Amino acid sequence: MKRLVNILMLSCQKATELIEKEQYFGLSTLEKLRLRVHLTICDFCTRYKQQSRFLHDVLGHHSHDHATNVNESLKEKIINQIENL
């Protein structure tokens, strides 16, 4: 039983790494399970995942074209939304 707990439990550092990896590369079944278990008990990482997903969604469409310049009104909108989180 103790070995199973050690397999499923993640540190917050590892959980945040998996959150980022999930958005760009996807996770294995074991990684998904481990992350899900961690997020059920850790409010901080759950909040981090929400914020990370928000930034990814807002800025994601700009990553396809690295030459794209974000206009000033969009920058202000993003900053305001981040500050209000």
C-alpha atoms as a PDB file:
ATOM      1  CA  MET A   1       0.000   0.000   0.000  1.00  0.00           C
ATOM      2  CA  LYS A   2       2.803   2.399   0.918  1.00  0.00           C
ATOM      3  CA  ARG A   3       4.459   1.776  -2.451  1.00  0.00           C
ATOM      4  CA  LEU A   4       1.200   2.597  -4.263  1.00  0.00           C
ATOM      5  CA  VAL A   5       0.905   5.882  -2.374  1.00  0.00           C
ATOM      6  CA  ASN A   6       4.496   6.763  -3.301  1.00  0.00           C
ATOM      7  CA  ILE A   7       3.762   6.037  -6.956  1.00  0.00           C
ATOM      8  CA  LEU A   8       0.634   8.212  -7.036  1.00  0.00           C
ATOM      9  CA  MET A   9       1.818  11.179  -4.966  1.00  0.00           C
ATOM     10  CA  LEU A  10       3.523  14.109  -6.660  1.00  0.00           C
ATOM     11  CA  SER A  11       5.323  17.151  -5.342  1.00  0.00           C
ATOM     12  CA  CYS A  12       3.902  20.514  -6.354  1.00  0.00           C
ATOM     13  CA  GLN A  13       6.968  21.081  -8.510  1.00  0.00           C
ATOM     14  CA  LYS A  14       6.381  17.869 -10.453  1.00  0.00           C
ATOM     15  CA  ALA A  15       2.644  18.631 -10.692  1.00  0.00           C
ATOM     16  CA  THR A  16       3.300  22.035 -12.280  1.00  0.00           C
ATOM     17  CA  GLU A  17       5.706  20.416 -14.738  1.00  0.00           C
ATOM     18  CA  LEU A  18       2.991  17.950 -15.736  1.00  0.00           C
ATOM     19  CA  ILE A  19       0.438  20.760 -16.063  1.00  0.00           C
ATOM     20  CA  GLU A  20       2.674  22.509 -18.574  1.00  0.00           C
ATOM     21  CA  LYS A  21       3.580  19.285 -20.356  1.00  0.00           C
ATOM     22  CA  GLU A  22      -0.110  18.394 -20.681  1.00  0.00           C
ATOM     23  CA  GLN A  23      -0.864  21.551 -22.662  1.00  0.00           C
ATOM     24  CA  TYR A  24       1.876  21.027 -25.230  1.00  0.00           C
ATOM     25  CA  PHE A  25       2.617  17.318 -25.460  1.00  0.00           C
ATOM     26  CA  GLY A  26      -0.061  15.373 -23.602  1.00  0.00           C
ATOM     27  CA  LEU A  27       0.434  12.969 -20.710  1.00  0.00           C
ATOM     28  CA  SER A  28       0.705   9.234 -20.327  1.00  0.00           C
ATOM     29  CA  THR A  29      -2.092   7.440 -18.503  1.00  0.00           C
ATOM     30  CA  LEU A  30      -0.007   7.184 -15.321  1.00  0.00           C
ATOM     31  CA  GLU A  31       0.921  10.876 -15.467  1.00  0.00           C
ATOM     32  CA  LYS A  32      -2.757  11.828 -15.901  1.00  0.00           C
ATOM     33  CA  LEU A  33      -3.709   9.705 -12.904  1.00  0.00           C
ATOM     34  CA  ARG A  34      -0.917  11.084 -10.724  1.00  0.00           C
ATOM     35  CA  LEU A  35      -1.797  14.667 -11.667  1.00  0.00           C
ATOM     36  CA  ARG A  36      -5.505  14.110 -11.039  1.00  0.00           C
ATOM     37  CA  VAL A  37      -4.765  12.678  -7.571  1.00  0.00           C
ATOM     38  CA  HIS A  38      -2.526  15.641  -6.734  1.00  0.00           C
ATOM     39  CA  LEU A  39      -5.042  18.209  -7.947  1.00  0.00           C
ATOM     40  CA  THR A  40      -7.805  16.726  -5.782  1.00  0.00           C
ATOM     41  CA  ILE A  41      -5.798  17.546  -2.664  1.00  0.00           C
ATOM     42  CA  CYS A  42      -3.837  20.652  -3.670  1.00  0.00           C
ATOM     43  CA  ASP A  43      -5.718  23.923  -4.140  1.00  0.00           C
ATOM     44  CA  PHE A  44      -2.557  25.806  -5.098  1.00  0.00           C
ATOM     45  CA  CYS A  45      -1.785  23.551  -8.067  1.00  0.00           C
ATOM     46  CA  THR A  46      -5.436  23.557  -9.103  1.00  0.00           C
ATOM     47  CA  ARG A  47      -5.302  27.359  -9.234  1.00  0.00           C
ATOM     48  CA  TYR A  48      -1.989  27.220 -11.100  1.00  0.00           C
ATOM     49  CA  LYS A  49      -3.568  24.930 -13.696  1.00  0.00           C
ATOM     50  CA  GLN A  50      -6.465  27.376 -14.181  1.00  0.00           C
ATOM     51  CA  GLN A  51      -4.101  30.320 -14.612  1.00  0.00           C
ATOM     52  CA  SER A  52      -1.825  28.402 -16.937  1.00  0.00           C
ATOM     53  CA  ARG A  53      -4.732  27.279 -19.102  1.00  0.00           C
ATOM     54  CA  PHE A  54      -6.020  30.869 -19.224  1.00  0.00           C
ATOM     55  CA  LEU A  55      -2.654  32.191 -20.429  1.00  0.00           C
ATOM     56  CA  HIS A  56      -2.337  29.370 -22.925  1.00  0.00           C
ATOM     57  CA  ASP A  57      -5.807  30.070 -24.316  1.00  0.00           C
ATOM     58  CA  VAL A  58      -5.298  33.847 -24.512  1.00  0.00           C
ATOM     59  CA  LEU A  59      -1.834  33.727 -26.014  1.00  0.00           C
ATOM     60  CA  GLY A  60      -2.028  30.374 -27.782  1.00  0.00           C
ATOM     61  CA  HIS A  61      -3.254  31.665 -31.092  1.00  0.00           C
ATOM     62  CA  HIS A  62      -0.204  33.959 -31.292  1.00  0.00           C
ATOM     63  CA  SER A  63       2.298  31.136 -30.907  1.00  0.00           C
ATOM     64  CA  HIS A  64       1.654  29.867 -34.438  1.00  0.00           C
ATOM     65  CA  ASP A  65       3.174  32.971 -35.955  1.00  0.00           C
ATOM     66  CA  HIS A  66       6.236  34.110 -34.022  1.00  0.00           C
ATOM     67  CA  ALA A  67       6.372  37.319 -36.011  1.00  0.00           C
ATOM     68  CA  THR A  68       2.925  38.370 -34.781  1.00  0.00           C
ATOM     69  CA  ASN A  69       2.978  41.506 -32.680  1.00  0.00           C
ATOM     70  CA  VAL A  70       0.374  41.766 -29.955  1.00  0.00           C
ATOM     71  CA  ASN A  71      -1.273  45.164 -30.239  1.00  0.00           C
ATOM     72  CA  GLU A  72      -1.419  47.468 -27.238  1.00  0.00           C
ATOM     73  CA  SER A  73      -5.144  47.071 -26.528  1.00  0.00           C
ATOM     74  CA  LEU A  74      -4.767  43.276 -26.410  1.00  0.00           C
ATOM     75  CA  LYS A  75      -1.784  43.634 -24.072  1.00  0.00           C
ATOM     76  CA  GLU A  76      -3.831  45.824 -21.733  1.00  0.00           C
ATOM     77  CA  LYS A  77      -6.756  43.397 -21.825  1.00  0.00           C
ATOM     78  CA  ILE A  78      -4.480  40.474 -20.950  1.00  0.00           C
ATOM     79  CA  ILE A  79      -2.838  42.390 -18.107  1.00  0.00           C
ATOM     80  CA  ASN A  80      -6.225  43.387 -16.672  1.00  0.00           C
ATOM     81  CA  GLN A  81      -7.517  39.830 -16.839  1.00  0.00           C
ATOM     82  CA  ILE A  82      -4.389  38.481 -15.130  1.00  0.00           C
ATOM     83  CA  GLU A  83      -4.606  41.094 -12.378  1.00  0.00           C
ATOM     84  CA  ASN A  84      -8.258  40.181 -11.771  1.00  0.00           C
ATOM     85  CA  LEU A  85      -7.544  36.455 -11.306  1.00  0.00           C
END
